[in-house]
């Protein structure tokens, strides 16, 4: 029996005709094939590990240049949606590697496609480009009515039409994003005076038009010297997610004021969520802080655990009361809650998954990175600590998911 042929996929990739590159979801080069290195005029070793727009910056001498913005938006759409994105022909000039400061005019026809991992998340972006510079130049020089001239003219016309349609769609998405962000900003509270305690809140929307406006935070004054702090994350994006977020946040805020504890508040939210479109699988972490007894009671519904930063720099994750997300199971079951003591000088940190999660690593690694960051900045006040967490943990290329953060000095 003939043995199956062993395929060397690395060799296949290098032999692919046309320019093909592989990038991480942060748009860093992982590999390029031989044609890409040759036609781009850059050795493979100069590209691997570099951010795409550091390796190929936009022409600073062209005030109308939009190639970098359009390419970045296309790639980030692929990362966010897990779907292929075909771009219109665009101009993106390349600096002459032998003559720094001199730029060559180039036109490209790009396609960006996702490579999904076992968990269904985007692990790589395939960036395939075909240079059409000579084709467009040849089109401009034709004077006959040959079939090739007609086809070239048709290609150019259709590309311009597609570019116009895409621009209209992007403007519509940008408008929706603007409305959603305005709605969310109006709902996000500013921390009120907490006696001698301090609290800092932050919200960072995702870059691009997608994956925005599903995260929230809330701080609620409770009777008898207590306070509730919560963060949540609605599945989805855009205006629909912002509307669902607003309803759920308001419902939880109201339930918190009459509930005996965080578990009961989330049980009430479960019942309310049945009537809210888009509320399924929302994750929430809520905590009740008792300043007199120096205890925190908490409950997590499918959400990353809050972190307790002790004054000595040790970090404990509040993970002894975890349960499925909101409205995720048909039967109503009492949710668990747990209590932990705190000392003056400790710090409570609640956050959404945009702060820590990376598609290429498991959650324990992500939580470990958060713990290390908290330990490094253990002597800083909440406002400074919040800024440090965002600076250290969010990708330098911009976050592809919303991030909500609350830091409370205890």
Protein backbone atom coordinates (compact mmCIF):
# COMPACT_ATOMS: atom_id res chain seq x y z
CA UNK A 1 0.00 0.00 0.00
CA UNK A 2 1.39 3.36 -0.99
CA UNK A 3 2.19 5.67 1.89
CA UNK A 4 0.50 9.06 1.94
CA UNK A 5 2.73 11.76 0.55
CA UNK A 6 4.11 14.04 3.26
CA UNK A 7 3.55 17.64 2.22
CA UNK A 8 6.07 20.28 3.25
CA UNK A 9 3.68 23.18 3.71
CA UNK A 10 6.51 25.61 4.46
CA UNK A 11 7.98 24.84 1.04
CA UNK A 12 4.53 25.16 -0.55
CA UNK A 13 4.08 28.59 1.06
CA UNK A 14 7.43 29.82 -0.24
CA UNK A 15 6.62 28.54 -3.75
CA UNK A 16 3.20 30.21 -3.96
CA UNK A 17 2.95 32.48 -7.00
CA UNK A 18 2.26 36.10 -6.13
CA UNK A 19 2.97 38.09 -3.00
CA UNK A 20 1.72 36.42 0.19
CA UNK A 21 2.48 37.32 3.81
CA UNK A 22 1.34 35.99 7.19
CA UNK A 23 0.72 38.41 10.05
CA UNK A 24 -0.38 38.13 13.67
CA UNK A 25 -3.69 39.71 14.76
CA UNK A 26 -1.50 42.62 15.94
CA UNK A 27 -0.33 43.00 12.30
CA UNK A 28 3.24 41.81 12.86
CA UNK A 29 4.95 39.81 10.11
CA UNK A 30 5.30 36.07 10.85
CA UNK A 31 6.41 34.99 7.37
CA UNK A 32 6.52 36.14 3.74
CA UNK A 33 6.95 34.04 0.62
CA UNK A 34 9.76 34.47 -1.89
CA UNK A 35 7.71 36.57 -4.32
CA UNK A 36 6.70 38.95 -1.53
CA UNK A 37 10.30 39.57 -0.46
CA UNK A 38 11.49 39.96 -4.06
CA UNK A 39 8.73 42.24 -5.34
CA UNK A 40 8.61 44.34 -2.16
CA UNK A 41 12.35 44.86 -2.33
CA UNK A 42 12.92 43.78 1.28
CA UNK A 43 14.81 40.68 2.47
CA UNK A 44 12.67 38.29 4.47
CA UNK A 45 14.87 38.80 7.54
CA UNK A 46 14.10 42.55 7.53
CA UNK A 47 10.35 41.90 7.73
CA UNK A 48 9.84 39.08 10.24
CA UNK A 49 8.81 40.31 13.68
CA UNK A 50 8.08 43.85 12.47
CA UNK A 51 4.80 45.75 12.54
CA UNK A 52 3.62 46.00 8.93
CA UNK A 53 3.44 49.80 8.83
CA UNK A 54 6.88 50.14 10.41
CA UNK A 55 8.29 47.97 7.65
CA UNK A 56 6.27 49.81 4.97
CA UNK A 57 5.42 53.33 6.17
CA UNK A 58 3.13 55.52 4.12
CA UNK A 59 4.57 58.07 1.72
CA UNK A 60 4.89 61.29 3.76
CA UNK A 61 5.04 63.36 0.58
CA UNK A 62 1.51 62.42 -0.50
CA UNK A 63 -1.03 64.45 1.54
CA UNK A 64 -3.92 62.44 0.05
CA UNK A 65 -2.45 59.05 0.94
CA UNK A 66 -5.01 56.70 2.46
CA UNK A 67 -3.48 53.30 1.73
CA UNK A 68 -2.25 52.66 5.26
CA UNK A 69 -5.60 53.52 6.85
CA UNK A 70 -7.57 51.40 4.39
CA UNK A 71 -5.20 48.42 4.69
CA UNK A 72 -5.21 48.57 8.49
CA UNK A 73 -9.01 48.79 8.62
CA UNK A 74 -9.33 45.81 6.27
CA UNK A 75 -6.97 43.66 8.34
CA UNK A 76 -8.64 44.59 11.60
CA UNK A 77 -12.03 43.70 10.11
CA UNK A 78 -10.63 40.25 9.34
CA UNK A 79 -9.38 39.91 12.92
CA UNK A 80 -12.69 41.09 14.36
CA UNK A 81 -15.07 39.13 12.11
CA UNK A 82 -13.04 36.09 11.08
CA UNK A 83 -14.11 36.71 7.48
CA UNK A 84 -12.20 37.42 4.27
CA UNK A 85 -11.96 41.06 3.18
CA UNK A 86 -11.31 41.97 -0.47
CA UNK A 87 -10.09 45.50 -0.98
CA UNK A 88 -10.43 47.81 -3.96
CA UNK A 89 -7.32 48.66 -5.94
CA UNK A 90 -5.34 51.17 -3.90
CA UNK A 91 -2.22 53.24 -4.22
CA UNK A 92 0.52 52.52 -1.68
CA UNK A 93 3.97 53.88 -2.52
CA UNK A 94 7.12 52.00 -1.45
CA UNK A 95 10.33 53.70 -0.36
CA UNK A 96 13.33 52.75 -2.49
CA UNK A 97 15.50 50.54 -0.27
CA UNK A 98 18.61 51.75 -2.16
CA UNK A 99 17.67 55.44 -2.05
CA UNK A 100 16.11 56.41 1.32
CA UNK A 101 13.67 59.28 0.98
CA UNK A 102 12.75 58.35 -2.60
CA UNK A 103 9.33 56.79 -3.11
CA UNK A 104 8.08 54.70 -6.03
CA UNK A 105 4.44 54.85 -7.06
CA UNK A 106 2.69 51.48 -6.74
CA UNK A 107 -0.89 50.26 -7.15
CA UNK A 108 -2.04 47.06 -5.46
CA UNK A 109 -5.00 44.70 -5.43
CA UNK A 110 -5.06 43.23 -1.86
CA UNK A 111 -7.04 40.42 -0.25
CA UNK A 112 -6.89 39.71 3.49
CA UNK A 113 -8.11 36.40 4.89
CA UNK A 114 -8.21 34.78 8.36
CA UNK A 115 -6.52 31.61 9.59
CA UNK A 116 -8.62 30.27 12.46
CA UNK A 117 -7.29 28.34 15.43
CA UNK A 118 -8.95 25.35 17.15
CA UNK A 119 -11.01 27.76 19.28
CA UNK A 120 -12.40 29.51 16.21
CA UNK A 121 -10.43 32.69 16.88
CA UNK A 122 -8.22 34.37 14.29
CA UNK A 123 -4.61 33.27 14.79
CA UNK A 124 -3.11 34.68 11.59
CA UNK A 125 -4.00 37.07 8.79
CA UNK A 126 -3.10 36.04 5.24
CA UNK A 127 -2.21 39.18 3.28
CA UNK A 128 -2.13 38.51 -0.47
CA UNK A 129 -1.38 41.38 -2.82
CA UNK A 130 -1.07 41.63 -6.57
CA UNK A 131 0.75 44.61 -8.02
CA UNK A 132 -1.25 46.22 -10.84
CA UNK A 133 0.92 49.30 -11.36
CA UNK A 134 2.02 48.38 -14.87
CA UNK A 135 -1.50 47.34 -15.81
CA UNK A 136 -2.90 50.74 -14.89
CA UNK A 137 -0.04 52.55 -16.59
CA UNK A 138 -0.54 50.47 -19.72
CA UNK A 139 -4.22 51.32 -19.65
CA UNK A 140 -3.34 54.98 -19.71
CA UNK A 141 -1.11 54.52 -22.77
CA UNK A 142 -3.54 52.51 -24.95
CA UNK A 143 -5.08 54.32 -27.89
CA UNK A 144 -6.74 51.37 -29.69
CA UNK A 145 -9.96 49.53 -29.00
CA UNK A 146 -8.34 46.16 -28.36
CA UNK A 147 -9.96 43.64 -26.07
CA UNK A 148 -7.17 44.10 -23.50
CA UNK A 149 -7.79 47.84 -23.38
CA UNK A 150 -11.49 47.29 -22.73
CA UNK A 151 -10.80 44.79 -19.96
CA UNK A 152 -8.26 47.06 -18.32
CA UNK A 153 -10.64 49.99 -18.44
CA UNK A 154 -13.40 47.80 -17.00
CA UNK A 155 -11.12 46.66 -14.16
CA UNK A 156 -10.17 50.20 -13.29
CA UNK A 157 -13.79 51.44 -13.45
CA UNK A 158 -15.10 48.61 -11.27
CA UNK A 159 -12.30 49.12 -8.77
CA UNK A 160 -13.16 52.80 -8.45
CA UNK A 161 -16.85 51.95 -8.01
CA UNK A 162 -16.04 49.40 -5.31
CA UNK A 163 -13.81 51.91 -3.57
CA UNK A 164 -16.62 54.48 -3.53
CA UNK A 165 -19.13 51.97 -2.13
CA UNK A 166 -16.68 50.83 0.53
CA UNK A 167 -16.04 54.40 1.58
CA UNK A 168 -19.78 55.02 1.99
CA UNK A 169 -20.12 51.89 4.11
CA UNK A 170 -17.19 52.91 6.29
CA UNK A 171 -18.68 56.33 6.85
CA UNK A 172 -21.98 54.70 7.86
CA UNK A 173 -20.14 52.39 10.27
CA UNK A 174 -18.19 55.32 11.66
CA UNK A 175 -21.43 57.22 12.28
CA UNK A 176 -22.96 54.22 14.08
CA UNK A 177 -19.81 53.91 16.17
CA UNK A 178 -19.96 57.62 17.03
CA UNK A 179 -23.58 57.34 18.18
CA UNK A 180 -22.86 54.17 20.18
CA UNK A 181 -19.87 55.75 21.91
CA UNK A 182 -21.88 58.87 22.74
CA UNK A 183 -24.63 56.69 24.23
CA UNK A 184 -22.13 54.70 26.24
CA UNK A 185 -20.29 57.77 27.50
CA UNK A 186 -23.56 59.25 28.75
CA UNK A 187 -24.23 56.06 30.72
CA UNK A 188 -20.80 55.69 32.29
CA UNK A 189 -20.71 57.27 35.76
CA UNK A 190 -17.88 59.32 37.20
CA UNK A 191 -16.87 58.00 40.64
CA UNK A 192 -18.35 60.05 43.42
CA UNK A 193 -16.49 60.95 46.58
CA UNK A 194 -15.70 57.79 48.56
CA UNK A 195 -14.59 59.37 51.81
CA UNK A 196 -10.85 58.89 52.15
CA UNK A 197 -10.98 56.08 49.57
CA UNK A 198 -10.08 56.64 45.92
CA UNK A 199 -11.40 55.05 42.75
CA UNK A 200 -10.37 55.33 39.10
CA UNK A 201 -12.39 54.25 36.07
CA UNK A 202 -11.32 53.83 32.45
CA UNK A 203 -13.00 52.84 29.22
CA UNK A 204 -11.09 52.25 25.98
CA UNK A 205 -13.13 51.41 22.86
CA UNK A 206 -11.73 48.98 20.31
CA UNK A 207 -9.99 50.42 17.30
CA UNK A 208 -11.95 50.39 14.05
CA UNK A 209 -15.69 50.14 13.57
CA UNK A 210 -16.26 46.71 15.10
CA UNK A 211 -16.25 45.20 18.59
CA UNK A 212 -17.18 48.43 20.31
CA UNK A 213 -19.65 49.45 22.98
CA UNK A 214 -20.44 46.20 24.78
CA UNK A 215 -18.44 46.84 27.99
CA UNK A 216 -19.50 48.81 31.05
CA UNK A 217 -18.68 49.58 34.65
CA UNK A 218 -20.81 50.83 37.55
CA UNK A 219 -20.31 52.11 41.10
CA UNK A 220 -23.30 52.17 43.46
CA UNK A 221 -23.57 53.65 46.97
CA UNK A 222 -25.32 51.22 49.32
CA UNK A 223 -26.78 51.71 52.82
CA UNK A 224 -24.84 51.00 56.02
CA UNK A 225 -21.49 52.12 54.73
CA UNK A 226 -21.27 49.77 51.76
CA UNK A 227 -20.57 50.17 48.08
CA UNK A 228 -21.06 47.99 44.98
CA UNK A 229 -18.68 47.89 42.03
CA UNK A 230 -19.43 45.96 38.83
CA UNK A 231 -18.09 45.47 35.33
CA UNK A 232 -19.82 43.71 32.44
CA UNK A 233 -19.39 42.74 28.80
CA UNK A 234 -22.21 42.30 26.27
CA UNK A 235 -21.56 40.03 23.31
CA UNK A 236 -21.76 41.93 20.03
CA UNK A 237 -20.75 45.31 18.73
CA UNK A 238 -22.02 48.67 17.58
CA UNK A 239 -25.24 50.42 18.47
CA UNK A 240 -27.14 47.20 19.24
CA UNK A 241 -24.54 46.20 21.84
CA UNK A 242 -24.58 49.70 23.33
CA UNK A 243 -28.36 49.59 23.72
CA UNK A 244 -28.28 46.14 25.34
CA UNK A 245 -25.45 47.29 27.58
CA UNK A 246 -27.43 50.32 28.72
CA UNK A 247 -30.47 48.23 29.66
CA UNK A 248 -28.48 45.58 31.53
CA UNK A 249 -26.31 48.09 33.37
CA UNK A 250 -29.36 50.06 34.53
CA UNK A 251 -31.16 46.86 35.60
CA UNK A 252 -28.17 45.61 37.59
CA UNK A 253 -27.67 49.02 39.18
CA UNK A 254 -31.31 49.00 40.36
CA UNK A 255 -31.18 45.37 41.53
CA UNK A 256 -27.99 46.03 43.47
CA UNK A 257 -29.73 48.67 45.58
CA UNK A 258 -32.32 46.21 46.92
CA UNK A 259 -30.48 42.87 46.81
CA UNK A 260 -29.01 41.24 49.88
CA UNK A 261 -25.79 40.48 48.03
CA UNK A 262 -24.16 40.28 44.59
CA UNK A 263 -25.50 36.79 43.84
CA UNK A 264 -29.08 37.89 44.37
CA UNK A 265 -28.48 40.96 42.19
CA UNK A 266 -27.24 38.78 39.34
CA UNK A 267 -30.19 36.42 39.74
CA UNK A 268 -32.51 39.39 39.23
CA UNK A 269 -30.47 40.38 36.17
CA UNK A 270 -30.92 36.84 34.80
CA UNK A 271 -34.69 37.23 34.89
CA UNK A 272 -34.61 40.69 33.32
CA UNK A 273 -32.17 39.64 30.56
CA UNK A 274 -34.79 37.27 29.08
CA UNK A 275 -36.61 40.32 27.71
CA UNK A 276 -33.53 42.10 26.28
CA UNK A 277 -32.41 41.34 22.72
CA UNK A 278 -28.69 40.63 22.60
CA UNK A 279 -28.37 39.98 26.34
CA UNK A 280 -27.54 36.29 26.01
CA UNK A 281 -24.14 35.24 27.33
CA UNK A 282 -23.36 38.65 28.82
CA UNK A 283 -20.62 38.33 31.45
CA UNK A 284 -20.61 40.29 34.72
CA UNK A 285 -18.49 40.53 37.85
CA UNK A 286 -20.03 42.37 40.81
CA UNK A 287 -18.65 43.08 44.28
CA UNK A 288 -20.13 44.50 47.49
CA UNK A 289 -17.56 46.36 49.61
CA UNK A 290 -18.29 46.69 53.33
CA UNK A 291 -16.03 49.42 54.66
CA UNK A 292 -16.92 48.69 58.31
CA UNK A 293 -16.25 44.94 58.36
CA UNK A 294 -13.41 45.24 55.82
CA UNK A 295 -14.87 42.49 53.63
CA UNK A 296 -15.73 42.11 49.94
CA UNK A 297 -18.57 39.84 48.83
CA UNK A 298 -18.48 38.92 45.15
CA UNK A 299 -20.05 36.88 42.36
CA UNK A 300 -18.87 36.35 38.77
CA UNK A 301 -21.16 35.34 35.91
CA UNK A 302 -18.80 33.98 33.28
CA UNK A 303 -16.48 36.97 33.77
CA UNK A 304 -12.72 37.16 34.46
CA UNK A 305 -12.17 37.24 38.24
CA UNK A 306 -11.54 40.56 40.02
CA UNK A 307 -8.01 40.99 41.34
CA UNK A 308 -7.07 41.91 44.91
CA UNK A 309 -3.70 43.64 45.16
CA UNK A 310 -2.40 43.42 48.72
CA UNK A 311 -0.26 46.15 50.22
CA UNK A 312 2.75 43.80 50.21
CA UNK A 313 2.46 43.26 46.43
CA UNK A 314 0.83 39.82 46.41
CA UNK A 315 -2.15 39.37 44.11
CA UNK A 316 -5.22 37.19 44.73
CA UNK A 317 -7.90 36.54 42.14
CA UNK A 318 -11.47 36.37 43.46
CA UNK A 319 -12.43 33.11 41.75
CA UNK A 320 -14.32 31.14 44.41
CA UNK A 321 -17.76 32.25 43.21
CA UNK A 322 -17.92 31.71 39.46
CA UNK A 323 -20.97 30.72 37.43
CA UNK A 324 -22.19 30.71 33.78
CA UNK A 325 -22.90 34.00 31.97
CA UNK A 326 -26.20 35.86 32.19
CA UNK A 327 -29.22 34.05 30.69
CA UNK A 328 -27.00 31.13 29.65
CA UNK A 329 -29.03 28.26 31.13
CA UNK A 330 -32.74 27.44 30.96
CA UNK A 331 -33.27 26.72 34.66
CA UNK A 332 -33.07 29.33 37.40
CA UNK A 333 -30.43 28.20 39.90
CA UNK A 334 -29.16 30.20 42.85
CA UNK A 335 -25.82 31.76 42.05
CA UNK A 336 -22.87 31.38 44.44
CA UNK A 337 -21.12 34.20 46.23
CA UNK A 338 -17.99 34.35 48.36
CA UNK A 339 -16.47 36.74 50.86
CA UNK A 340 -12.87 37.81 51.32
CA UNK A 341 -11.33 40.17 53.92
CA UNK A 342 -9.23 43.18 53.00
CA UNK A 343 -6.89 45.50 54.85
CA UNK A 344 -6.37 49.20 54.49
CA UNK A 345 -3.90 49.81 51.70
CA UNK A 346 -5.17 46.93 49.54
CA UNK A 347 -6.54 47.61 46.05
CA UNK A 348 -9.49 46.03 44.20
CA UNK A 349 -9.31 45.81 40.39
CA UNK A 350 -12.24 44.87 38.14
CA UNK A 351 -11.82 44.69 34.36
CA UNK A 352 -13.20 43.23 31.15
CA UNK A 353 -11.40 40.66 29.02
CA UNK A 354 -10.10 43.25 26.55
CA UNK A 355 -7.46 44.20 29.12
CA UNK A 356 -5.86 40.77 29.40
CA UNK A 357 -6.90 38.24 26.77
CA UNK A 358 -4.75 37.45 23.74
CA UNK A 359 -5.79 34.98 21.06
CA UNK A 360 -2.47 33.15 21.12
CA UNK A 361 -2.33 32.36 24.86
CA UNK A 362 -4.39 30.68 27.56
CA UNK A 363 -6.18 32.60 30.30
CA UNK A 364 -3.71 31.60 33.01
CA UNK A 365 -0.92 33.32 31.10
CA UNK A 366 -3.09 36.41 30.68
CA UNK A 367 -3.93 36.54 34.39
CA UNK A 368 -0.28 36.02 35.26
CA UNK A 369 0.68 39.03 33.17
CA UNK A 370 -1.96 41.12 34.96
CA UNK A 371 -0.68 39.96 38.37
CA UNK A 372 2.91 40.83 37.47
CA UNK A 373 1.85 44.29 36.33
CA UNK A 374 -0.11 44.92 39.53
CA UNK A 375 2.85 43.84 41.67
CA UNK A 376 5.21 46.18 39.79
CA UNK A 377 2.92 49.13 40.38
CA UNK A 378 1.75 48.21 43.89
CA UNK A 379 2.75 51.52 45.46
CA UNK A 380 0.79 53.73 43.05
CA UNK A 381 -2.56 55.46 43.62
CA UNK A 382 -5.67 54.21 41.72
CA UNK A 383 -5.50 56.88 38.99
CA UNK A 384 -1.84 56.19 38.27
CA UNK A 385 -2.34 52.43 38.52
CA UNK A 386 -5.23 52.51 36.03
CA UNK A 387 -3.08 54.34 33.48
CA UNK A 388 -0.19 51.96 34.07
CA UNK A 389 -2.39 48.90 33.49
CA UNK A 390 -3.65 50.25 30.17
CA UNK A 391 -0.16 51.25 29.05
CA UNK A 392 1.44 47.92 30.00
CA UNK A 393 -1.28 45.46 28.99
CA UNK A 394 -3.01 46.82 25.89
CA UNK A 395 -1.27 46.08 22.55
CA UNK A 396 0.86 48.91 21.19
CA UNK A 397 -0.97 48.57 17.86
CA UNK A 398 -4.32 49.27 19.55
CA UNK A 399 -6.84 47.05 21.29
CA UNK A 400 -9.18 44.98 19.13
CA UNK A 401 -11.71 44.59 21.95
CA UNK A 402 -13.34 47.04 24.34
CA UNK A 403 -11.73 47.51 27.75
CA UNK A 404 -13.48 48.67 30.92
CA UNK A 405 -11.47 49.05 34.14
CA UNK A 406 -12.21 50.03 37.74
CA UNK A 407 -9.51 50.45 40.39
CA UNK A 408 -10.62 51.01 43.99
CA UNK A 409 -8.27 51.88 46.85
CA UNK A 410 -9.39 50.01 49.98
